[in-house]
């Protein structure tokens, strides 16, 4: 998932590589789906890695059987946090 909002210019993309069929949404279709998910994410600069991963998995309704996980968030003030995990 990639979502950016630069001064009101919004770009969204979702690529799902799980299962046997890969899917990719861009633009309005991706944005519509993300508008329902992103408010549930609730990850802030001070969120612990374990909590950020759990909240992301819950918001996106993902199973806990991932091999690799990466979450990068850039905040409006320019700060960036990255959470990575391998199983």
PDB file of N, CA and C in Angstrom:
ATOM      1  N   UNK A   1       0.838  -1.146   0.000  1.00  0.00           N
ATOM      2  CA  UNK A   1       0.000   0.000   0.000  1.00  0.00           C
ATOM      3  C   UNK A   1       0.894   1.223   0.000  1.00  0.00           C
ATOM      4  N   UNK A   2       0.552   2.194  -0.810  1.00  0.00           N
ATOM      5  CA  UNK A   2       1.279   3.457  -0.854  1.00  0.00           C
ATOM      6  C   UNK A   2       0.246   4.560  -0.901  1.00  0.00           C
ATOM      7  N   UNK A   3       0.346   5.480   0.027  1.00  0.00           N
ATOM      8  CA  UNK A   3      -0.588   6.592   0.118  1.00  0.00           C
ATOM      9  C   UNK A   3       0.206   7.846   0.416  1.00  0.00           C
ATOM     10  N   UNK A   4      -0.043   8.898  -0.339  1.00  0.00           N
ATOM     11  CA  UNK A   4       0.627  10.162  -0.050  1.00  0.00           C
ATOM     12  C   UNK A   4      -0.341  11.317  -0.267  1.00  0.00           C
ATOM     13  N   UNK A   5      -0.150  12.331   0.546  1.00  0.00           N
ATOM     14  CA  UNK A   5      -0.961  13.540   0.454  1.00  0.00           C
ATOM     15  C   UNK A   5      -0.004  14.721   0.564  1.00  0.00           C
ATOM     16  N   UNK A   6       0.335  15.291  -0.571  1.00  0.00           N
ATOM     17  CA  UNK A   6       1.233  16.440  -0.610  1.00  0.00           C
ATOM     18  C   UNK A   6       0.429  17.676  -0.979  1.00  0.00           C
ATOM     19  N   UNK A   7       0.147  18.478   0.036  1.00  0.00           N
ATOM     20  CA  UNK A   7      -0.583  19.730  -0.165  1.00  0.00           C
ATOM     21  C   UNK A   7      -1.895  19.504  -0.902  1.00  0.00           C
ATOM     22  N   UNK A   8      -2.636  18.469  -0.482  1.00  0.00           N
ATOM     23  CA  UNK A   8      -3.933  18.184  -1.076  1.00  0.00           C
ATOM     24  C   UNK A   8      -3.889  17.331  -2.330  1.00  0.00           C
ATOM     25  N   UNK A   9      -2.715  17.050  -2.829  1.00  0.00           N
ATOM     26  CA  UNK A   9      -2.581  16.176  -4.000  1.00  0.00           C
ATOM     27  C   UNK A   9      -2.386  14.733  -3.488  1.00  0.00           C
ATOM     28  N   UNK A  10      -3.437  13.940  -3.639  1.00  0.00           N
ATOM     29  CA  UNK A  10      -3.446  12.601  -3.063  1.00  0.00           C
ATOM     30  C   UNK A  10      -3.159  11.552  -4.129  1.00  0.00           C
ATOM     31  N   UNK A  11      -2.278  10.616  -3.755  1.00  0.00           N
ATOM     32  CA  UNK A  11      -1.967   9.470  -4.614  1.00  0.00           C
ATOM     33  C   UNK A  11      -2.122   8.217  -3.773  1.00  0.00           C
ATOM     34  N   UNK A  12      -2.733   7.196  -4.348  1.00  0.00           N
ATOM     35  CA  UNK A  12      -2.949   5.952  -3.617  1.00  0.00           C
ATOM     36  C   UNK A  12      -2.746   4.757  -4.532  1.00  0.00           C
ATOM     37  N   UNK A  13      -2.178   3.705  -3.951  1.00  0.00           N
ATOM     38  CA  UNK A  13      -1.955   2.460  -4.684  1.00  0.00           C
ATOM     39  C   UNK A  13      -1.969   1.302  -3.692  1.00  0.00           C
ATOM     40  N   UNK A  14      -2.619   0.231  -4.070  1.00  0.00           N
ATOM     41  CA  UNK A  14      -2.645  -0.983  -3.252  1.00  0.00           C
ATOM     42  C   UNK A  14      -2.258  -2.145  -4.153  1.00  0.00           C
ATOM     43  N   UNK A  15      -1.268  -2.906  -3.722  1.00  0.00           N
ATOM     44  CA  UNK A  15      -0.865  -4.098  -4.456  1.00  0.00           C
ATOM     45  C   UNK A  15      -0.906  -5.264  -3.479  1.00  0.00           C
ATOM     46  N   UNK A  16      -1.698  -6.265  -3.806  1.00  0.00           N
ATOM     47  CA  UNK A  16      -1.879  -7.424  -2.939  1.00  0.00           C
ATOM     48  C   UNK A  16      -1.261  -8.634  -3.621  1.00  0.00           C
ATOM     49  N   UNK A  17      -0.191  -9.157  -3.041  1.00  0.00           N
ATOM     50  CA  UNK A  17       0.526 -10.286  -3.625  1.00  0.00           C
ATOM     51  C   UNK A  17       0.252 -11.587  -2.892  1.00  0.00           C
ATOM     52  N   UNK A  18      -0.780 -11.591  -2.065  1.00  0.00           N
ATOM     53  CA  UNK A  18      -1.122 -12.810  -1.327  1.00  0.00           C
ATOM     54  C   UNK A  18      -1.918 -13.749  -2.223  1.00  0.00           C
ATOM     55  N   UNK A  19      -1.803 -15.009  -1.953  1.00  0.00           N
ATOM     56  CA  UNK A  19      -2.597 -15.996  -2.672  1.00  0.00           C
ATOM     57  C   UNK A  19      -2.141 -16.201  -4.101  1.00  0.00           C
ATOM     58  N   UNK A  20      -3.002 -16.801  -4.879  1.00  0.00           N
ATOM     59  CA  UNK A  20      -2.643 -17.141  -6.247  1.00  0.00           C
ATOM     60  C   UNK A  20      -2.930 -16.018  -7.237  1.00  0.00           C
ATOM     61  N   UNK A  21      -3.764 -15.076  -6.852  1.00  0.00           N
ATOM     62  CA  UNK A  21      -4.056 -13.965  -7.758  1.00  0.00           C
ATOM     63  C   UNK A  21      -3.544 -12.670  -7.153  1.00  0.00           C
ATOM     64  N   UNK A  22      -2.719 -11.983  -7.889  1.00  0.00           N
ATOM     65  CA  UNK A  22      -2.218 -10.683  -7.458  1.00  0.00           C
ATOM     66  C   UNK A  22      -3.200  -9.627  -7.920  1.00  0.00           C
ATOM     67  N   UNK A  23      -3.436  -8.621  -7.084  1.00  0.00           N
ATOM     68  CA  UNK A  23      -4.315  -7.538  -7.490  1.00  0.00           C
ATOM     69  C   UNK A  23      -3.625  -6.201  -7.251  1.00  0.00           C
ATOM     70  N   UNK A  24      -3.998  -5.234  -8.061  1.00  0.00           N
ATOM     71  CA  UNK A  24      -3.406  -3.910  -7.947  1.00  0.00           C
ATOM     72  C   UNK A  24      -4.492  -2.865  -8.204  1.00  0.00           C
ATOM     73  N   UNK A  25      -4.639  -1.939  -7.257  1.00  0.00           N
ATOM     74  CA  UNK A  25      -5.576  -0.829  -7.397  1.00  0.00           C
ATOM     75  C   UNK A  25      -4.790   0.469  -7.373  1.00  0.00           C
ATOM     76  N   UNK A  26      -5.216   1.417  -8.183  1.00  0.00           N
ATOM     77  CA  UNK A  26      -4.564   2.724  -8.202  1.00  0.00           C
ATOM     78  C   UNK A  26      -5.623   3.818  -8.228  1.00  0.00           C
ATOM     79  N   UNK A  27      -5.194   5.010  -7.882  1.00  0.00           N
ATOM     80  CA  UNK A  27      -6.054   6.178  -8.002  1.00  0.00           C
ATOM     81  C   UNK A  27      -7.282   6.123  -7.124  1.00  0.00           C
ATOM     82  N   UNK A  28      -8.425   6.487  -7.695  1.00  0.00           N
ATOM     83  CA  UNK A  28      -9.677   6.603  -6.957  1.00  0.00           C
ATOM     84  C   UNK A  28     -10.097   5.288  -6.313  1.00  0.00           C
ATOM     85  N   UNK A  29      -9.926   4.171  -7.003  1.00  0.00           N
ATOM     86  CA  UNK A  29     -10.309   2.870  -6.451  1.00  0.00           C
ATOM     87  C   UNK A  29      -9.488   2.550  -5.206  1.00  0.00           C
ATOM     88  N   UNK A  30      -8.195   2.791  -5.258  1.00  0.00           N
ATOM     89  CA  UNK A  30      -7.326   2.544  -4.098  1.00  0.00           C
ATOM     90  C   UNK A  30      -7.656   3.508  -2.968  1.00  0.00           C
ATOM     91  N   UNK A  31      -7.868   4.766  -3.309  1.00  0.00           N
ATOM     92  CA  UNK A  31      -8.186   5.772  -2.288  1.00  0.00           C
ATOM     93  C   UNK A  31      -9.475   5.425  -1.564  1.00  0.00           C
ATOM     94  N   UNK A  32     -10.473   4.981  -2.283  1.00  0.00           N
ATOM     95  CA  UNK A  32     -11.756   4.627  -1.678  1.00  0.00           C
ATOM     96  C   UNK A  32     -11.576   3.510  -0.652  1.00  0.00           C
ATOM     97  N   UNK A  33     -10.784   2.519  -1.003  1.00  0.00           N
ATOM     98  CA  UNK A  33     -10.538   1.415  -0.083  1.00  0.00           C
ATOM     99  C   UNK A  33      -9.722   1.883   1.132  1.00  0.00           C
ATOM    100  N   UNK A  34      -8.729   2.733   0.914  1.00  0.00           N
ATOM    101  CA  UNK A  34      -7.870   3.202   2.002  1.00  0.00           C
ATOM    102  C   UNK A  34      -8.587   4.148   2.953  1.00  0.00           C
ATOM    103  N   UNK A  35      -9.574   4.882   2.464  1.00  0.00           N
ATOM    104  CA  UNK A  35     -10.319   5.808   3.321  1.00  0.00           C
ATOM    105  C   UNK A  35     -11.015   5.072   4.458  1.00  0.00           C
ATOM    106  N   UNK A  36     -11.356   3.807   4.251  1.00  0.00           N
ATOM    107  CA  UNK A  36     -11.983   3.012   5.297  1.00  0.00           C
ATOM    108  C   UNK A  36     -10.957   2.390   6.240  1.00  0.00           C
ATOM    109  N   UNK A  37      -9.718   2.241   5.776  1.00  0.00           N
ATOM    110  CA  UNK A  37      -8.686   1.543   6.551  1.00  0.00           C
ATOM    111  C   UNK A  37      -7.806   2.492   7.362  1.00  0.00           C
ATOM    112  N   UNK A  38      -7.327   3.555   6.756  1.00  0.00           N
ATOM    113  CA  UNK A  38      -6.329   4.419   7.400  1.00  0.00           C
ATOM    114  C   UNK A  38      -6.768   5.018   8.738  1.00  0.00           C
ATOM    115  N   UNK A  39      -8.037   5.421   8.909  1.00  0.00           N
ATOM    116  CA  UNK A  39      -8.414   5.939  10.234  1.00  0.00           C
ATOM    117  C   UNK A  39      -8.277   4.910  11.352  1.00  0.00           C
ATOM    118  N   UNK A  40      -8.311   3.635  11.027  1.00  0.00           N
ATOM    119  CA  UNK A  40      -8.177   2.568  12.023  1.00  0.00           C
ATOM    120  C   UNK A  40      -6.728   2.298  12.394  1.00  0.00           C
ATOM    121  N   UNK A  41      -5.799   2.795  11.609  1.00  0.00           N
ATOM    122  CA  UNK A  41      -4.387   2.476  11.794  1.00  0.00           C
ATOM    123  C   UNK A  41      -3.831   3.031  13.108  1.00  0.00           C
ATOM    124  N   UNK A  42      -4.054   4.278  13.380  1.00  0.00           N
ATOM    125  CA  UNK A  42      -3.666   4.905  14.655  1.00  0.00           C
ATOM    126  C   UNK A  42      -2.226   4.615  15.078  1.00  0.00           C
ATOM    127  N   UNK A  43      -1.276   4.851  14.186  1.00  0.00           N
ATOM    128  CA  UNK A  43       0.143   4.709  14.516  1.00  0.00           C
ATOM    129  C   UNK A  43       0.744   6.112  14.563  1.00  0.00           C
ATOM    130  N   UNK A  44       1.391   6.417  15.686  1.00  0.00           N
ATOM    131  CA  UNK A  44       2.004   7.717  15.880  1.00  0.00           C
ATOM    132  C   UNK A  44       3.511   7.553  16.053  1.00  0.00           C
ATOM    133  N   UNK A  45       4.202   8.652  16.171  1.00  0.00           N
ATOM    134  CA  UNK A  45       5.666   8.625  16.298  1.00  0.00           C
ATOM    135  C   UNK A  45       6.139   7.827  17.512  1.00  0.00           C
ATOM    136  N   UNK A  46       5.344   7.814  18.558  1.00  0.00           N
ATOM    137  CA  UNK A  46       5.751   7.156  19.800  1.00  0.00           C
ATOM    138  C   UNK A  46       5.230   5.725  19.927  1.00  0.00           C
ATOM    139  N   UNK A  47       4.536   5.221  18.921  1.00  0.00           N
ATOM    140  CA  UNK A  47       3.983   3.874  18.970  1.00  0.00           C
ATOM    141  C   UNK A  47       5.107   2.842  18.944  1.00  0.00           C
ATOM    142  N   UNK A  48       5.017   1.875  19.850  1.00  0.00           N
ATOM    143  CA  UNK A  48       6.018   0.797  19.903  1.00  0.00           C
ATOM    144  C   UNK A  48       5.900  -0.083  18.665  1.00  0.00           C
ATOM    145  N   UNK A  49       7.025  -0.675  18.254  1.00  0.00           N
ATOM    146  CA  UNK A  49       7.080  -1.516  17.055  1.00  0.00           C
ATOM    147  C   UNK A  49       6.026  -2.624  17.101  1.00  0.00           C
ATOM    148  N   UNK A  50       5.954  -3.338  18.201  1.00  0.00           N
ATOM    149  CA  UNK A  50       5.009  -4.437  18.349  1.00  0.00           C
ATOM    150  C   UNK A  50       3.572  -3.942  18.157  1.00  0.00           C
ATOM    151  N   UNK A  51       3.250  -2.807  18.752  1.00  0.00           N
ATOM    152  CA  UNK A  51       1.904  -2.249  18.636  1.00  0.00           C
ATOM    153  C   UNK A  51       1.613  -1.765  17.218  1.00  0.00           C
ATOM    154  N   UNK A  52       2.601  -1.151  16.576  1.00  0.00           N
ATOM    155  CA  UNK A  52       2.418  -0.659  15.205  1.00  0.00           C
ATOM    156  C   UNK A  52       2.129  -1.814  14.256  1.00  0.00           C
ATOM    157  N   UNK A  53       2.854  -2.910  14.416  1.00  0.00           N
ATOM    158  CA  UNK A  53       2.628  -4.081  13.571  1.00  0.00           C
ATOM    159  C   UNK A  53       1.244  -4.663  13.835  1.00  0.00           C
ATOM    160  N   UNK A  54       0.881  -4.817  15.096  1.00  0.00           N
ATOM    161  CA  UNK A  54      -0.434  -5.369  15.447  1.00  0.00           C
ATOM    162  C   UNK A  54      -1.570  -4.491  14.927  1.00  0.00           C
ATOM    163  N   UNK A  55      -1.443  -3.179  15.058  1.00  0.00           N
ATOM    164  CA  UNK A  55      -2.483  -2.266  14.580  1.00  0.00           C
ATOM    165  C   UNK A  55      -2.610  -2.307  13.061  1.00  0.00           C
ATOM    166  N   UNK A  56      -1.478  -2.428  12.375  1.00  0.00           N
ATOM    167  CA  UNK A  56      -1.487  -2.503  10.917  1.00  0.00           C
ATOM    168  C   UNK A  56      -2.144  -3.801  10.466  1.00  0.00           C
ATOM    169  N   UNK A  57      -1.773  -4.906  11.091  1.00  0.00           N
ATOM    170  CA  UNK A  57      -2.360  -6.194  10.750  1.00  0.00           C
ATOM    171  C   UNK A  57      -3.871  -6.169  10.965  1.00  0.00           C
ATOM    172  N   UNK A  58      -4.306  -5.569  12.056  1.00  0.00           N
ATOM    173  CA  UNK A  58      -5.730  -5.481  12.356  1.00  0.00           C
ATOM    174  C   UNK A  58      -6.462  -4.565  11.374  1.00  0.00           C
ATOM    175  N   UNK A  59      -5.921  -3.389  11.109  1.00  0.00           N
ATOM    176  CA  UNK A  59      -6.574  -2.428  10.220  1.00  0.00           C
ATOM    177  C   UNK A  59      -6.745  -2.981   8.815  1.00  0.00           C
ATOM    178  N   UNK A  60      -5.740  -3.714   8.335  1.00  0.00           N
ATOM    179  CA  UNK A  60      -5.790  -4.262   6.985  1.00  0.00           C
ATOM    180  C   UNK A  60      -6.344  -5.687   6.950  1.00  0.00           C
ATOM    181  N   UNK A  61      -6.755  -6.197   8.126  1.00  0.00           N
ATOM    182  CA  UNK A  61      -7.313  -7.550   8.243  1.00  0.00           C
ATOM    183  C   UNK A  61      -6.376  -8.590   7.637  1.00  0.00           C
ATOM    184  N   UNK A  62      -5.126  -8.552   8.086  1.00  0.00           N
ATOM    185  CA  UNK A  62      -4.098  -9.460   7.587  1.00  0.00           C
ATOM    186  C   UNK A  62      -3.856 -10.589   8.582  1.00  0.00           C
ATOM    187  N   UNK A  63      -3.564 -11.767   8.065  1.00  0.00           N
ATOM    188  CA  UNK A  63      -3.216 -12.902   8.917  1.00  0.00           C
ATOM    189  C   UNK A  63      -1.815 -12.688   9.471  1.00  0.00           C
ATOM    190  N   UNK A  64      -1.537 -13.340  10.574  1.00  0.00           N
ATOM    191  CA  UNK A  64      -0.248 -13.179  11.242  1.00  0.00           C
ATOM    192  C   UNK A  64       0.810 -14.144  10.691  1.00  0.00           C
ATOM    193  N   UNK A  65       0.621 -14.640   9.493  1.00  0.00           N
ATOM    194  CA  UNK A  65       1.556 -15.616   8.935  1.00  0.00           C
ATOM    195  C   UNK A  65       2.478 -14.999   7.885  1.00  0.00           C
ATOM    196  N   UNK A  66       2.821 -13.734   8.064  1.00  0.00           N
ATOM    197  CA  UNK A  66       3.698 -13.068   7.103  1.00  0.00           C
ATOM    198  C   UNK A  66       5.143 -13.535   7.250  1.00  0.00           C
ATOM    199  N   UNK A  67       5.912 -13.387   6.171  1.00  0.00           N
ATOM    200  CA  UNK A  67       7.345 -13.691   6.206  1.00  0.00           C
ATOM    201  C   UNK A  67       8.145 -12.426   6.445  1.00  0.00           C
ATOM    202  N   UNK A  68       7.649 -11.336   5.870  1.00  0.00           N
ATOM    203  CA  UNK A  68       8.350 -10.062   5.975  1.00  0.00           C
ATOM    204  C   UNK A  68       7.317  -8.950   6.121  1.00  0.00           C
ATOM    205  N   UNK A  69       7.612  -8.007   6.993  1.00  0.00           N
ATOM    206  CA  UNK A  69       6.701  -6.893   7.249  1.00  0.00           C
ATOM    207  C   UNK A  69       7.510  -5.599   7.270  1.00  0.00           C
ATOM    208  N   UNK A  70       7.005  -4.583   6.571  1.00  0.00           N
ATOM    209  CA  UNK A  70       7.641  -3.269   6.620  1.00  0.00           C
ATOM    210  C   UNK A  70       6.563  -2.198   6.572  1.00  0.00           C
ATOM    211  N   UNK A  71       6.654  -1.271   7.489  1.00  0.00           N
ATOM    212  CA  UNK A  71       5.734  -0.139   7.558  1.00  0.00           C
ATOM    213  C   UNK A  71       6.573   1.128   7.654  1.00  0.00           C
ATOM    214  N   UNK A  72       6.346   2.041   6.732  1.00  0.00           N
ATOM    215  CA  UNK A  72       7.042   3.324   6.757  1.00  0.00           C
ATOM    216  C   UNK A  72       5.992   4.418   6.735  1.00  0.00           C
ATOM    217  N   UNK A  73       6.090   5.333   7.671  1.00  0.00           N
ATOM    218  CA  UNK A  73       5.148   6.448   7.752  1.00  0.00           C
ATOM    219  C   UNK A  73       5.941   7.744   7.788  1.00  0.00           C
ATOM    220  N   UNK A  74       5.573   8.656   6.916  1.00  0.00           N
ATOM    221  CA  UNK A  74       6.140  10.009   6.921  1.00  0.00           C
ATOM    222  C   UNK A  74       5.055  10.952   7.405  1.00  0.00           C
ATOM    223  N   UNK A  75       5.385  11.701   8.410  1.00  0.00           N
ATOM    224  CA  UNK A  75       4.425  12.614   9.016  1.00  0.00           C
ATOM    225  C   UNK A  75       4.486  13.984   8.345  1.00  0.00           C
ATOM    226  N   UNK A  76       3.418  14.764   8.487  1.00  0.00           N
ATOM    227  CA  UNK A  76       3.379  16.094   7.853  1.00  0.00           C
ATOM    228  C   UNK A  76       4.553  17.004   8.225  1.00  0.00           C
ATOM    229  N   UNK A  77       5.132  16.803   9.402  1.00  0.00           N
ATOM    230  CA  UNK A  77       6.254  17.650   9.824  1.00  0.00           C
ATOM    231  C   UNK A  77       7.596  17.170   9.252  1.00  0.00           C
ATOM    232  N   UNK A  78       7.573  16.099   8.445  1.00  0.00           N
ATOM    233  CA  UNK A  78       8.797  15.602   7.820  1.00  0.00           C
ATOM    234  C   UNK A  78       9.425  14.421   8.538  1.00  0.00           C
ATOM    235  N   UNK A  79       9.023  14.151   9.769  1.00  0.00           N
ATOM    236  CA  UNK A  79       9.556  12.995  10.495  1.00  0.00           C
ATOM    237  C   UNK A  79       9.099  11.702   9.828  1.00  0.00           C
ATOM    238  N   UNK A  80       9.918  10.653   9.974  1.00  0.00           N
ATOM    239  CA  UNK A  80       9.617   9.359   9.373  1.00  0.00           C
ATOM    240  C   UNK A  80       9.918   8.263  10.384  1.00  0.00           C
ATOM    241  N   UNK A  81       9.043   7.254  10.431  1.00  0.00           N
ATOM    242  CA  UNK A  81       9.307   6.069  11.237  1.00  0.00           C
ATOM    243  C   UNK A  81       9.200   4.851  10.323  1.00  0.00           C
ATOM    244  N   UNK A  82      10.007   3.833  10.622  1.00  0.00           N
ATOM    245  CA  UNK A  82       9.990   2.599   9.845  1.00  0.00           C
ATOM    246  C   UNK A  82      10.002   1.423  10.829  1.00  0.00           C
ATOM    247  N   UNK A  83       9.116   0.490  10.592  1.00  0.00           N
ATOM    248  CA  UNK A  83       9.066  -0.739  11.386  1.00  0.00           C
ATOM    249  C   UNK A  83       9.278  -1.908  10.436  1.00  0.00           C
ATOM    250  N   UNK A  84      10.233  -2.806  10.747  1.00  0.00           N
ATOM    251  CA  UNK A  84      10.497  -3.983   9.933  1.00  0.00           C
ATOM    252  C   UNK A  84      10.493  -5.207  10.836  1.00  0.00           C
ATOM    253  N   UNK A  85      10.013  -6.310  10.283  1.00  0.00           N
ATOM    254  CA  UNK A  85      10.016  -7.555  11.020  1.00  0.00           C
ATOM    255  C   UNK A  85      10.074  -8.722  10.041  1.00  0.00           C
ATOM    256  N   UNK A  86      10.837  -9.722  10.379  1.00  0.00           N
ATOM    257  CA  UNK A  86      10.917 -10.973   9.609  1.00  0.00           C
ATOM    258  C   UNK A  86      10.558 -12.109  10.529  1.00  0.00           C
ATOM    259  N   UNK A  87       9.849 -13.079  10.007  1.00  0.00           N
ATOM    260  CA  UNK A  87       9.517 -14.266  10.805  1.00  0.00           C
ATOM    261  C   UNK A  87      10.329 -15.431  10.333  1.00  0.00           C
TER     262      UNK A  87
END
